[in-house]
């Protein structure tokens, strides 16, 4: 069955960087685009970005454009979210997504 497992979250100071990973199993990884979402405290879950199956095309929410980068390693069945210049408002649980499938999320806290 499809499984998505996020890792790499933690506590980081504003302006610093963090890289999240999502390990995917149970499906033909290269066939599917992959997405990142996040849900901040008291907020709705929101789209962060996506990457196509080959890794040749990405799209981002305006709030993270220029700071976050999505990539994938199809040999490792893993998608990444590189987050730079982090802000306190980036604090959220970050989720990996493929269609109707979701990981459990990883907490990112940006605080001094």
Protein backbone atom coordinates (compact mmCIF):
# COMPACT_ATOMS: atom_id res chain seq x y z
CA UNK A 1 0.00 0.00 0.00
CA UNK A 2 0.99 3.62 -0.44
CA UNK A 3 3.03 5.00 2.42
CA UNK A 4 4.53 8.46 2.77
CA UNK A 5 6.87 9.12 5.68
CA UNK A 6 8.17 12.61 6.38
CA UNK A 7 11.29 13.41 8.36
CA UNK A 8 13.65 16.28 9.03
CA UNK A 9 11.49 18.64 11.03
CA UNK A 10 12.62 20.41 14.15
CA UNK A 11 13.22 23.72 15.89
CA UNK A 12 15.18 26.29 13.93
CA UNK A 13 15.96 29.98 14.34
CA UNK A 14 14.58 32.57 11.93
CA UNK A 15 16.74 32.97 8.86
CA UNK A 16 18.11 29.45 9.07
CA UNK A 17 17.51 26.47 6.79
CA UNK A 18 15.99 23.03 7.11
CA UNK A 19 15.50 20.16 4.68
CA UNK A 20 12.54 17.86 4.90
CA UNK A 21 12.38 14.43 3.31
CA UNK A 22 9.46 12.25 2.31
CA UNK A 23 10.13 8.58 1.68
CA UNK A 24 7.52 6.96 -0.54
CA UNK A 25 6.68 3.29 -0.92
CA UNK A 26 3.91 1.20 -2.43
CA UNK A 27 3.59 2.75 -5.88
CA UNK A 28 5.55 3.53 -9.03
CA UNK A 29 7.19 6.67 -7.74
CA UNK A 30 8.25 8.21 -11.03
CA UNK A 31 4.70 8.13 -12.35
CA UNK A 32 3.29 10.65 -9.91
CA UNK A 33 3.75 14.29 -9.06
CA UNK A 34 4.36 14.86 -5.39
CA UNK A 35 3.21 17.72 -3.20
CA UNK A 36 4.04 19.40 0.07
CA UNK A 37 1.38 20.99 2.25
CA UNK A 38 1.54 22.57 5.66
CA UNK A 39 -0.82 23.40 8.49
CA UNK A 40 0.10 26.10 10.95
CA UNK A 41 -1.42 26.46 14.42
CA UNK A 42 -5.04 27.48 14.10
CA UNK A 43 -4.84 27.57 10.31
CA UNK A 44 -6.19 25.57 7.40
CA UNK A 45 -3.91 23.16 5.60
CA UNK A 46 -2.30 24.98 2.69
CA UNK A 47 -0.40 24.05 -0.45
CA UNK A 48 3.35 24.68 -0.33
CA UNK A 49 4.60 23.27 -3.61
CA UNK A 50 4.70 20.40 -6.03
CA UNK A 51 7.05 18.59 -8.38
CA UNK A 52 6.27 16.49 -11.44
CA UNK A 53 7.22 12.87 -11.82
CA UNK A 54 10.48 13.47 -13.62
CA UNK A 55 11.49 16.33 -11.36
CA UNK A 56 11.66 18.73 -14.29
CA UNK A 57 8.88 21.07 -13.21
CA UNK A 58 7.96 22.63 -9.88
CA UNK A 59 5.41 25.09 -8.59
CA UNK A 60 5.19 26.97 -5.32
CA UNK A 61 2.85 28.98 -3.19
CA UNK A 62 3.61 32.69 -3.32
CA UNK A 63 4.40 32.66 0.39
CA UNK A 64 7.41 30.38 -0.10
CA UNK A 65 8.51 31.21 -3.64
CA UNK A 66 12.20 32.05 -3.76
CA UNK A 67 12.85 30.53 -0.35
CA UNK A 68 11.74 26.90 -0.66
CA UNK A 69 12.85 24.35 -3.25
CA UNK A 70 11.30 20.98 -3.97
CA UNK A 71 13.36 18.21 -5.50
CA UNK A 72 13.15 14.46 -5.84
CA UNK A 73 15.45 11.49 -6.12
CA UNK A 74 13.53 8.89 -8.08
CA UNK A 75 16.16 6.23 -7.42
CA UNK A 76 15.55 6.66 -3.69
CA UNK A 77 11.79 7.20 -3.98
CA UNK A 78 12.21 10.35 -1.95
CA UNK A 79 11.02 13.91 -2.34
CA UNK A 80 12.66 16.82 -0.54
CA UNK A 81 11.68 20.26 0.62
CA UNK A 82 14.63 22.58 1.11
CA UNK A 83 13.54 25.54 3.22
CA UNK A 84 15.78 28.58 3.42
CA UNK A 85 15.39 31.96 5.12
CA UNK A 86 12.81 30.50 7.44
CA UNK A 87 10.34 32.81 9.15
CA UNK A 88 8.23 32.33 12.28
CA UNK A 89 5.16 32.18 10.05
CA UNK A 90 6.60 29.05 8.43
CA UNK A 91 5.92 27.22 11.69
CA UNK A 92 3.63 24.34 10.82
CA UNK A 93 3.26 20.63 10.44
CA UNK A 94 4.51 19.79 6.97
CA UNK A 95 2.85 17.00 5.03
CA UNK A 96 3.87 15.02 1.99
CA UNK A 97 1.02 14.26 -0.39
CA UNK A 98 0.21 12.21 -3.44
CA UNK A 99 -3.39 12.55 -4.49
CA UNK A 100 -5.55 11.16 -1.68
CA UNK A 101 -2.55 9.84 0.26
CA UNK A 102 -0.94 11.78 3.09
CA UNK A 103 1.97 11.27 5.39
CA UNK A 104 1.63 11.87 9.11
CA UNK A 105 3.58 15.09 8.92
CA UNK A 106 6.70 16.53 10.53
CA UNK A 107 6.70 19.54 12.82
CA UNK A 108 8.73 22.60 11.88
CA UNK A 109 9.03 25.35 14.46
CA UNK A 110 10.77 28.60 13.61
CA UNK A 111 11.57 30.56 16.72
CA UNK A 112 14.37 32.51 18.30
